[in-house]
Protein backbone atom coordinates (compact mmCIF):
# COMPACT_ATOMS: atom_id res chain seq x y z
CA MET A 1 -12.00 16.70 -5.91
CA PRO A 2 -11.80 13.13 -7.29
CA SER A 3 -13.40 10.41 -5.18
CA VAL A 4 -10.91 7.86 -3.79
CA TYR A 5 -11.82 4.63 -2.01
CA THR A 6 -9.38 2.13 -0.52
CA LEU A 7 -10.08 -1.55 0.16
CA THR A 8 -8.24 -3.54 2.83
CA PHE A 9 -9.20 -7.16 3.44
CA SER A 10 -6.68 -7.67 6.26
CA PRO A 11 -6.49 -4.55 8.45
CA CYS A 12 -4.48 -4.61 11.66
CA ILE A 13 -3.47 -2.61 14.69
CA ASP A 14 0.26 -1.88 14.46
CA LYS A 15 1.96 -1.75 17.87
CA SER A 16 5.40 -0.12 17.80
CA THR A 17 7.87 -0.13 20.64
CA SER A 18 11.61 -0.22 21.29
CA VAL A 19 14.00 -2.06 23.60
CA PRO A 20 17.56 -1.15 24.67
CA THR A 21 18.78 -4.43 23.18
CA LEU A 22 17.03 -7.53 21.82
CA GLN A 23 18.12 -10.62 23.76
CA PRO A 24 16.67 -14.13 24.16
CA GLU A 25 15.48 -15.44 27.52
CA LYS A 26 15.49 -11.98 29.09
CA LYS A 27 12.66 -9.82 30.38
CA LEU A 28 12.92 -6.87 28.00
CA ARG A 29 11.79 -3.43 29.12
CA CYS A 30 9.86 -1.84 26.25
CA SER A 31 9.18 1.82 25.63
CA ASN A 32 5.58 3.05 25.71
CA PRO A 33 3.90 1.45 22.69
CA VAL A 34 2.43 3.50 19.87
CA LEU A 35 -0.77 2.06 18.40
CA GLU A 36 -1.85 2.92 14.86
CA PRO A 37 -4.40 1.52 12.43
CA GLY A 38 -2.63 -0.34 9.64
CA GLY A 39 -2.98 -2.58 6.61
CA GLY A 40 -2.33 -1.70 2.97
CA GLY A 41 -5.41 0.29 1.96
CA ILE A 42 -5.82 1.74 5.45
CA ASN A 43 -2.34 3.22 5.29
CA VAL A 44 -2.99 4.57 1.80
CA ALA A 45 -6.11 6.36 3.05
CA ARG A 46 -4.22 7.77 6.04
CA ALA A 47 -1.29 8.91 3.91
CA LEU A 48 -3.66 10.55 1.41
CA LYS A 49 -5.19 12.53 4.26
CA HIS A 50 -1.71 13.72 5.24
CA LEU A 51 -1.26 14.86 1.63
CA GLY A 52 -4.52 16.79 1.58
CA HIS A 53 -6.60 14.31 -0.44
CA PRO A 54 -9.31 12.59 1.64
CA ALA A 55 -10.14 8.96 0.89
CA THR A 56 -12.79 6.59 2.19
CA ALA A 57 -11.53 3.34 3.70
CA VAL A 58 -13.54 0.14 3.17
CA PHE A 59 -12.56 -2.75 5.43
CA PRO A 60 -13.80 -5.64 7.60
CA SER A 61 -13.52 -5.30 11.36
CA GLY A 62 -14.54 -7.42 14.32
CA GLY A 63 -14.21 -8.15 18.02
CA TYR A 64 -12.67 -6.02 20.76
CA THR A 65 -9.59 -5.26 18.66
CA GLY A 66 -11.88 -4.26 15.80
CA GLN A 67 -13.67 -1.74 18.01
CA HIS A 68 -10.30 -0.30 19.03
CA PHE A 69 -9.18 -0.23 15.39
CA ASN A 70 -12.32 1.66 14.36
CA GLN A 71 -11.76 4.18 17.16
CA LEU A 72 -8.17 4.78 16.04
CA LEU A 73 -9.43 5.63 12.55
CA ARG A 74 -12.13 7.91 13.95
CA GLU A 75 -9.45 9.78 15.89
CA GLU A 76 -7.68 10.44 12.58
CA ASN A 77 -10.95 11.50 10.90
CA ILE A 78 -10.68 8.86 8.17
CA PRO A 79 -14.06 8.30 6.49
CA SER A 80 -14.82 4.60 6.82
CA LEU A 81 -17.29 2.02 5.54
CA ILE A 82 -16.99 -0.91 7.94
CA ILE A 83 -18.09 -4.50 7.35
CA PRO A 84 -18.65 -6.25 10.73
CA THR A 85 -16.93 -9.64 11.06
CA ILE A 86 -17.03 -12.65 13.33
CA SER A 87 -13.23 -12.80 13.64
CA GLU A 88 -11.13 -10.42 15.72
CA THR A 89 -9.11 -7.81 13.85
CA ARG A 90 -5.46 -8.83 13.96
CA GLU A 91 -2.53 -7.02 15.58
CA ASN A 92 1.09 -6.67 14.44
CA ILE A 93 4.16 -5.83 16.51
CA ILE A 94 7.14 -3.72 15.44
CA VAL A 95 10.16 -3.67 17.78
CA TYR A 96 13.16 -1.39 17.35
CA ASP A 97 16.45 -2.63 18.81
CA GLU A 98 18.21 0.54 20.01
CA SER A 99 21.62 -1.09 20.43
CA GLY A 100 21.80 -2.50 16.92
CA GLY A 101 19.68 0.09 15.16
CA GLN A 102 17.57 -2.70 13.64
CA GLN A 103 13.82 -3.01 13.33
CA TYR A 104 11.96 -6.31 13.78
CA ARG A 105 8.47 -6.76 12.34
CA PHE A 106 6.15 -9.48 13.65
CA GLY A 107 3.13 -9.92 11.38
CA MET A 108 0.25 -11.96 12.78
CA PRO A 109 -1.90 -14.19 10.52
CA GLY A 110 -4.81 -12.51 8.79
CA SER A 111 -8.22 -12.89 10.42
CA PRO A 112 -10.45 -15.24 8.38
CA LEU A 113 -13.41 -13.79 6.50
CA THR A 114 -16.62 -15.59 5.57
CA ASP A 115 -18.03 -15.51 2.04
CA MET A 116 -20.68 -13.07 3.19
CA GLU A 117 -18.08 -10.75 4.74
CA TRP A 118 -15.67 -10.41 1.80
CA LYS A 119 -18.51 -10.17 -0.69
CA ALA A 120 -19.99 -7.35 1.40
CA CYS A 121 -16.70 -5.45 0.93
CA LEU A 122 -17.11 -5.65 -2.85
CA GLN A 123 -20.80 -4.79 -2.67
CA THR A 124 -19.99 -1.69 -0.63
CA LEU A 125 -17.80 -0.40 -3.45
CA GLU A 126 -20.33 -1.40 -6.09
CA GLU A 127 -22.94 0.70 -4.28
CA ALA A 128 -20.70 3.75 -3.83
CA PRO A 129 -22.29 6.77 -5.55
CA ALA A 130 -19.11 7.97 -7.27
CA LEU A 131 -15.74 6.33 -7.79
CA ASP A 132 -12.74 7.87 -9.50
CA TYR A 133 -9.98 5.75 -7.92
CA ILE A 134 -10.10 2.41 -6.09
CA VAL A 135 -6.96 1.27 -4.28
CA ALA A 136 -6.92 -2.42 -3.34
CA SER A 137 -3.86 -3.01 -1.21
CA GLY A 138 -2.48 -5.63 1.14
CA SER A 139 -2.57 -9.38 1.62
CA LEU A 140 -5.62 -11.64 1.54
CA PRO A 141 -6.71 -13.38 4.76
CA PRO A 142 -8.03 -16.96 4.88
CA GLY A 143 -11.43 -17.31 3.25
CA VAL A 144 -10.90 -14.69 0.54
CA PRO A 145 -10.39 -16.17 -2.96
CA ASP A 146 -7.32 -15.33 -5.01
CA ASP A 147 -9.45 -13.86 -7.79
CA VAL A 148 -11.11 -11.25 -5.57
CA PHE A 149 -9.21 -8.33 -7.13
CA ALA A 150 -10.14 -9.64 -10.58
CA ARG A 151 -13.77 -9.44 -9.46
CA LEU A 152 -13.09 -5.93 -8.21
CA SER A 153 -11.75 -5.06 -11.65
CA LEU A 154 -15.17 -5.77 -13.14
CA ILE A 155 -16.76 -3.41 -10.61
CA ALA A 156 -14.18 -0.71 -11.37
CA ARG A 157 -14.86 -1.03 -15.08
CA LYS A 158 -18.60 -0.77 -14.51
CA LYS A 159 -18.11 2.33 -12.34
CA SER A 160 -15.53 3.89 -14.73
CA ALA A 161 -13.03 3.96 -11.86
CA LYS A 162 -9.25 3.60 -12.06
CA LEU A 163 -8.23 0.51 -10.09
CA ILE A 164 -4.79 0.40 -8.49
CA VAL A 165 -3.70 -2.94 -7.01
CA ASP A 166 -0.78 -3.42 -4.63
CA THR A 167 -0.60 -7.06 -3.60
CA SER A 168 1.40 -10.17 -4.43
CA GLY A 169 1.23 -13.82 -5.48
CA GLU A 170 -1.82 -15.34 -7.15
CA ALA A 171 -4.04 -12.41 -6.15
CA LEU A 172 -1.84 -10.09 -8.23
CA ARG A 173 -1.72 -12.53 -11.14
CA HIS A 174 -5.53 -12.79 -11.28
CA ALA A 175 -5.88 -9.00 -11.13
CA VAL A 176 -3.39 -8.51 -13.97
CA ASP A 177 -5.19 -11.08 -16.13
CA GLU A 178 -8.49 -9.23 -15.72
CA GLY A 179 -7.07 -5.75 -16.37
CA LEU A 180 -6.65 -2.64 -14.21
CA TYR A 181 -5.17 0.84 -14.22
CA MET A 182 -1.95 0.39 -12.24
CA ILE A 183 0.12 -2.16 -10.35
CA LYS A 184 2.93 -1.42 -7.89
CA PRO A 185 5.05 -4.57 -7.62
CA ASN A 186 8.56 -4.74 -6.21
CA LEU A 187 11.28 -6.56 -8.16
CA GLY A 188 10.51 -9.89 -6.50
CA GLU A 189 6.78 -9.65 -7.20
CA LEU A 190 7.43 -8.62 -10.81
CA SER A 191 9.77 -11.57 -11.34
CA LYS A 192 7.11 -13.98 -10.04
CA LEU A 193 4.55 -12.44 -12.39
CA ALA A 194 6.98 -13.09 -15.23
CA GLY A 195 7.61 -16.66 -14.06
CA ARG A 196 11.30 -16.01 -13.39
CA GLU A 197 13.45 -16.83 -10.40
CA GLU A 198 15.31 -13.52 -10.45
CA LEU A 199 14.95 -10.19 -12.20
CA HIS A 200 17.74 -7.71 -12.88
CA THR A 201 17.16 -4.00 -13.16
CA GLY A 202 17.90 -4.06 -16.88
CA ASP A 203 15.05 -6.55 -17.42
CA VAL A 204 12.36 -4.48 -15.71
CA VAL A 205 11.17 -2.38 -18.65
CA ASN A 206 10.68 -5.28 -21.07
CA ILE A 207 9.05 -7.52 -18.46
CA ALA A 208 6.77 -4.78 -17.14
CA ARG A 209 5.78 -3.73 -20.65
CA SER A 210 4.93 -7.31 -21.63
CA ILE A 211 2.65 -7.56 -18.58
CA ILE A 212 1.07 -4.21 -19.42
CA GLU A 213 0.28 -5.28 -22.97
CA LYS A 214 -1.01 -8.69 -21.93
CA GLY A 215 -3.14 -7.54 -19.03
CA ARG A 216 -4.64 -4.28 -20.26
CA ILE A 217 -2.74 -2.25 -17.67
CA GLU A 218 -1.82 1.38 -18.19
CA LEU A 219 0.92 1.89 -15.59
CA ALA A 220 3.44 -0.22 -13.70
CA LEU A 221 5.26 1.50 -10.85
CA VAL A 222 8.00 -0.93 -9.84
CA SER A 223 9.39 -0.14 -6.39
CA MET A 224 13.09 -0.74 -5.75
CA GLY A 225 13.45 0.22 -2.09
CA ALA A 226 16.07 2.84 -1.35
CA ALA A 227 16.95 2.97 -5.08
CA GLY A 228 13.56 4.48 -5.87
CA ALA A 229 11.24 3.15 -8.57
CA MET A 230 10.68 2.62 -12.27
CA LEU A 231 7.60 3.82 -14.08
CA VAL A 232 6.68 1.84 -17.19
CA THR A 233 3.87 2.53 -19.65
CA ARG A 234 3.29 1.32 -23.20
CA ALA A 235 5.13 4.37 -24.59
CA GLU A 236 7.47 5.56 -21.83
CA ALA A 237 9.82 4.27 -19.16
CA CYS A 238 11.87 6.15 -16.60
CA ILE A 239 13.77 5.52 -13.39
CA LEU A 240 13.14 7.78 -10.41
CA THR A 241 15.95 8.05 -7.89
CA PRO A 242 15.44 9.69 -4.48
CA PRO A 243 18.16 11.59 -2.63
CA PRO A 244 20.07 9.70 0.07
CA VAL A 245 18.37 9.97 3.47
CA ILE A 246 18.83 8.52 6.94
CA ARG A 247 16.12 5.88 7.11
CA LYS A 248 14.46 5.23 10.48
CA SER A 249 11.81 2.77 9.32
CA THR A 250 10.54 1.28 6.08
CA VAL A 251 7.09 0.39 7.44
CA GLY A 252 4.43 2.12 5.36
CA ALA A 253 6.86 3.36 2.69
CA GLY A 254 5.15 1.37 -0.06
CA ASP A 255 1.71 2.54 1.02
CA SER A 256 2.95 6.13 1.14
CA MET A 257 4.28 5.65 -2.40
CA VAL A 258 0.86 4.53 -3.62
CA ALA A 259 -0.80 7.48 -1.88
CA GLY A 260 1.76 9.81 -3.45
CA MET A 261 1.01 8.39 -6.90
CA ILE A 262 -2.70 9.09 -6.51
CA ALA A 263 -2.07 12.57 -5.10
CA GLY A 264 0.34 13.20 -7.97
CA LEU A 265 -2.16 12.05 -10.60
CA ILE A 266 -4.80 14.33 -9.09
CA GLN A 267 -2.42 17.29 -8.91
CA PHE A 268 -0.33 16.91 -12.07
CA ALA A 269 -2.27 14.51 -14.34
CA ASP A 270 1.14 13.56 -15.84
CA PRO A 271 2.11 9.99 -14.77
CA ILE A 272 5.85 10.79 -14.69
CA LEU A 273 5.37 13.79 -12.40
CA ALA A 274 2.98 11.71 -10.31
CA ALA A 275 5.57 8.92 -10.02
CA ARG A 276 8.17 11.49 -8.98
CA TYR A 277 5.88 12.59 -6.17
CA ALA A 278 5.19 8.94 -5.31
CA VAL A 279 8.90 8.28 -4.79
CA ALA A 280 9.16 11.45 -2.70
CA CYS A 281 6.30 10.24 -0.48
CA GLY A 282 7.76 6.75 -0.11
CA THR A 283 11.13 8.24 0.85
CA ALA A 284 9.47 10.70 3.24
CA ALA A 285 7.89 7.80 5.14
CA THR A 286 11.33 6.32 5.87
CA LEU A 287 12.34 9.48 7.75
CA ASN A 288 9.92 8.62 10.56
CA PRO A 289 10.25 5.92 13.22
CA GLY A 290 7.89 2.99 13.75
CA THR A 291 4.81 2.86 11.57
CA GLN A 292 4.47 6.57 10.85
CA LEU A 293 3.63 7.45 7.26
CA CYS A 294 4.84 10.27 5.02
CA ARG A 295 4.47 13.92 5.98
CA LYS A 296 3.45 16.39 3.29
CA ALA A 297 6.19 18.90 4.16
CA ASP A 298 8.86 16.20 3.76
CA ALA A 299 7.33 14.86 0.54
CA ASP A 300 7.07 18.33 -1.02
CA ARG A 301 10.71 19.07 -0.14
CA LEU A 302 11.99 15.72 -1.45
CA TYR A 303 9.97 15.98 -4.66
CA THR A 304 12.38 18.55 -6.13
CA GLN A 305 15.32 16.25 -5.27
CA VAL A 306 14.02 13.09 -6.96
CA MET A 307 15.98 12.56 -10.17
CA VAL A 308 14.11 11.37 -13.30
CA ALA A 309 16.00 9.59 -16.10
CA ASN A 310 14.34 8.29 -19.23
CA MET A 311 15.15 4.73 -20.25
C-alpha cells in the first residue's frame, strides 16, 4: 500500500457542543462536549483511516493540551511523528444553535513555533524511509515562514513523493511557484492566486490551467461547497456535482475531500474517478454533526450519485 504522510503546523483540539439557543448576556447550558483532534493534515490522516488507507501524521505538539491531543490521536490509532514544542497546542470551539439550526465556529490563534520546531517537522519528512504522498494542509502559525511549503516541495521532489497542498494566502502562492502535484483551493483562494477580486464559475478552468502551467502542477481540485468541485489538468476539465443532502456540519468537509482524493488515486489511479470519490467523501462529512469526518459507507454510497460533466 502506498505510504502517505500528512503535515500539520497548527493542530488543535476541536471542542463541539450545542445550546438550546444562542443569546448574549445569558448563562447558556451546553450539551456534553465532544473533543476531537483537528487541524488540516490531522483530519486528512483521520479521514484516510476511516477510508481504509492508513497515514502517518507529522505535527508539533506541546503543553497540557498537547498531551491531551496526542492521547486523542492514540485512541484513534493514528500513527504519529510528534515534534515537542514550547507553546501549548491550541483549542477551537464549535457551537451548534439548536433553535436556529446554525453552527458557530470559534478558531483560536495558532500556537507559535520556533525555527527549530518547524524545521524539525520538515526534517522528519526528509528522514522518512518511504514517501509516496505528502499532504500539507492547514494554516501556518506565527513563526513559520510563508515559503515553508515551497521548501517542502524540494523535499518531495528529492523523495519522489507527490505533494498535495491545501492552504491559502502567501503560503499557497509560494508552494505553487515551486511546483507540486495537486492544490485544492476554493473559489476565493483561486481568485487570490490569480490576482482577481472575484472569480466566476466560468473562469475557473482557464485560471486553474494557467496556474498549472506556470507552477508545474498536475492537478487542481477546486472546491465549490455544496455545488461540488471542478477538476482541472493540462488536458482535461470536469465538474463534479454531488446529490442534494441535508447538511449537519461543514467542518472537516474539505479535509475529507482531500482524503477521498488520495484514497481515490490509490484505488482507481484515474484522477477523474478519484475526484468523484473526493466529492463523495466531502459530501459524506456534511452528513455528520460537529467535527465528525466522512464515513466510508456514506462515501461509497454517494460515489455512484456524484455526476461528472466534462467541460
